[in-house]
Amino acid sequence: MTVHFMCTCGSKTYSLPDSMAGQKVRCPSCQVIIIVPQPSEGGQVVIAVPADDSMEGF
């Protein structure tokens, strides 16, 4: 399965394996660190949550 999500910057939709859910990744467009969301029912695109400020230096 894959998780389809969008960064809060709204630049584009990303797809990653659902095994990445809960992990922190950097948006290639805006460089913000986001948390990969859990897969949604029906494969809908969800908005990723930015990681908190404690992730500086990631």
C-alpha atoms as a PDB file:
ATOM      1  CA  MET A   1       0.000   0.000   0.000  1.00  0.00           C
ATOM      2  CA  THR A   2       0.963   3.607  -0.384  1.00  0.00           C
ATOM      3  CA  VAL A   3       0.140   6.753   1.504  1.00  0.00           C
ATOM      4  CA  HIS A   4      -0.715   9.802  -0.608  1.00  0.00           C
ATOM      5  CA  PHE A   5      -0.139  13.144   1.074  1.00  0.00           C
ATOM      6  CA  MET A   6       0.572  16.795   0.471  1.00  0.00           C
ATOM      7  CA  CYS A   7       2.903  19.102   2.375  1.00  0.00           C
ATOM      8  CA  THR A   8       1.310  22.119   4.027  1.00  0.00           C
ATOM      9  CA  CYS A   9       2.995  24.272   1.348  1.00  0.00           C
ATOM     10  CA  GLY A  10       0.672  22.584  -1.165  1.00  0.00           C
ATOM     11  CA  SER A  11       3.347  22.287  -3.823  1.00  0.00           C
ATOM     12  CA  LYS A  12       2.507  18.759  -4.960  1.00  0.00           C
ATOM     13  CA  THR A  13       1.215  15.373  -3.879  1.00  0.00           C
ATOM     14  CA  TYR A  14       3.677  12.726  -2.712  1.00  0.00           C
ATOM     15  CA  SER A  15       3.306   8.951  -2.517  1.00  0.00           C
ATOM     16  CA  LEU A  16       5.391   6.806  -0.194  1.00  0.00           C
ATOM     17  CA  PRO A  17       5.085   3.227   1.067  1.00  0.00           C
ATOM     18  CA  ASP A  18       2.733   3.017   4.047  1.00  0.00           C
ATOM     19  CA  SER A  19       5.682   1.664   6.040  1.00  0.00           C
ATOM     20  CA  MET A  20       6.938   5.287   6.082  1.00  0.00           C
ATOM     21  CA  ALA A  21       3.843   6.474   8.007  1.00  0.00           C
ATOM     22  CA  GLY A  22       4.824   8.314  11.181  1.00  0.00           C
ATOM     23  CA  GLN A  23       8.361   9.021   9.981  1.00  0.00           C
ATOM     24  CA  LYS A  24       9.790  12.488   9.427  1.00  0.00           C
ATOM     25  CA  VAL A  25      10.776  13.562   5.914  1.00  0.00           C
ATOM     26  CA  ARG A  26      11.807  16.847   4.350  1.00  0.00           C
ATOM     27  CA  CYS A  27       9.565  18.352   1.655  1.00  0.00           C
ATOM     28  CA  PRO A  28      11.717  18.672  -1.484  1.00  0.00           C
ATOM     29  CA  SER A  29       9.918  21.881  -2.454  1.00  0.00           C
ATOM     30  CA  CYS A  30       9.846  23.991   0.719  1.00  0.00           C
ATOM     31  CA  GLN A  31      12.374  22.094   2.911  1.00  0.00           C
ATOM     32  CA  VAL A  32       9.938  21.888   5.861  1.00  0.00           C
ATOM     33  CA  ILE A  33      10.175  18.684   7.906  1.00  0.00           C
ATOM     34  CA  ILE A  34       6.822  16.899   7.904  1.00  0.00           C
ATOM     35  CA  ILE A  35       5.463  13.706   9.420  1.00  0.00           C
ATOM     36  CA  VAL A  36       4.229  11.174   6.870  1.00  0.00           C
ATOM     37  CA  PRO A  37       0.551  10.592   7.723  1.00  0.00           C
ATOM     38  CA  GLN A  38      -1.179   7.243   8.117  1.00  0.00           C
ATOM     39  CA  PRO A  39      -2.812   5.930   4.915  1.00  0.00           C
ATOM     40  CA  SER A  40      -6.385   7.148   4.552  1.00  0.00           C
ATOM     41  CA  GLU A  41      -9.452   5.088   3.783  1.00  0.00           C
ATOM     42  CA  GLY A  42      -9.947   4.861   0.029  1.00  0.00           C
ATOM     43  CA  GLY A  43      -6.489   6.224  -0.781  1.00  0.00           C
ATOM     44  CA  GLN A  44      -7.488   9.869  -0.421  1.00  0.00           C
ATOM     45  CA  VAL A  45      -4.774  12.533  -0.309  1.00  0.00           C
ATOM     46  CA  VAL A  46      -4.235  13.958   3.182  1.00  0.00           C
ATOM     47  CA  ILE A  47      -2.288  16.987   4.401  1.00  0.00           C
ATOM     48  CA  ALA A  48       0.921  16.134   6.260  1.00  0.00           C
ATOM     49  CA  VAL A  49       1.573  17.641   9.684  1.00  0.00           C
ATOM     50  CA  PRO A  50       4.752  19.698  10.112  1.00  0.00           C
ATOM     51  CA  ALA A  51       7.169  18.287  12.672  1.00  0.00           C
ATOM     52  CA  ASP A  52       7.598  20.419  15.797  1.00  0.00           C
ATOM     53  CA  ASP A  53      10.494  22.833  16.339  1.00  0.00           C
ATOM     54  CA  SER A  54      12.454  20.225  18.275  1.00  0.00           C
ATOM     55  CA  MET A  55      13.444  18.731  14.918  1.00  0.00           C
ATOM     56  CA  GLU A  56      15.843  21.580  14.050  1.00  0.00           C
ATOM     57  CA  GLY A  57      19.016  20.204  12.568  1.00  0.00           C
ATOM     58  CA  PHE A  58      17.262  17.140  11.110  1.00  0.00           C
END
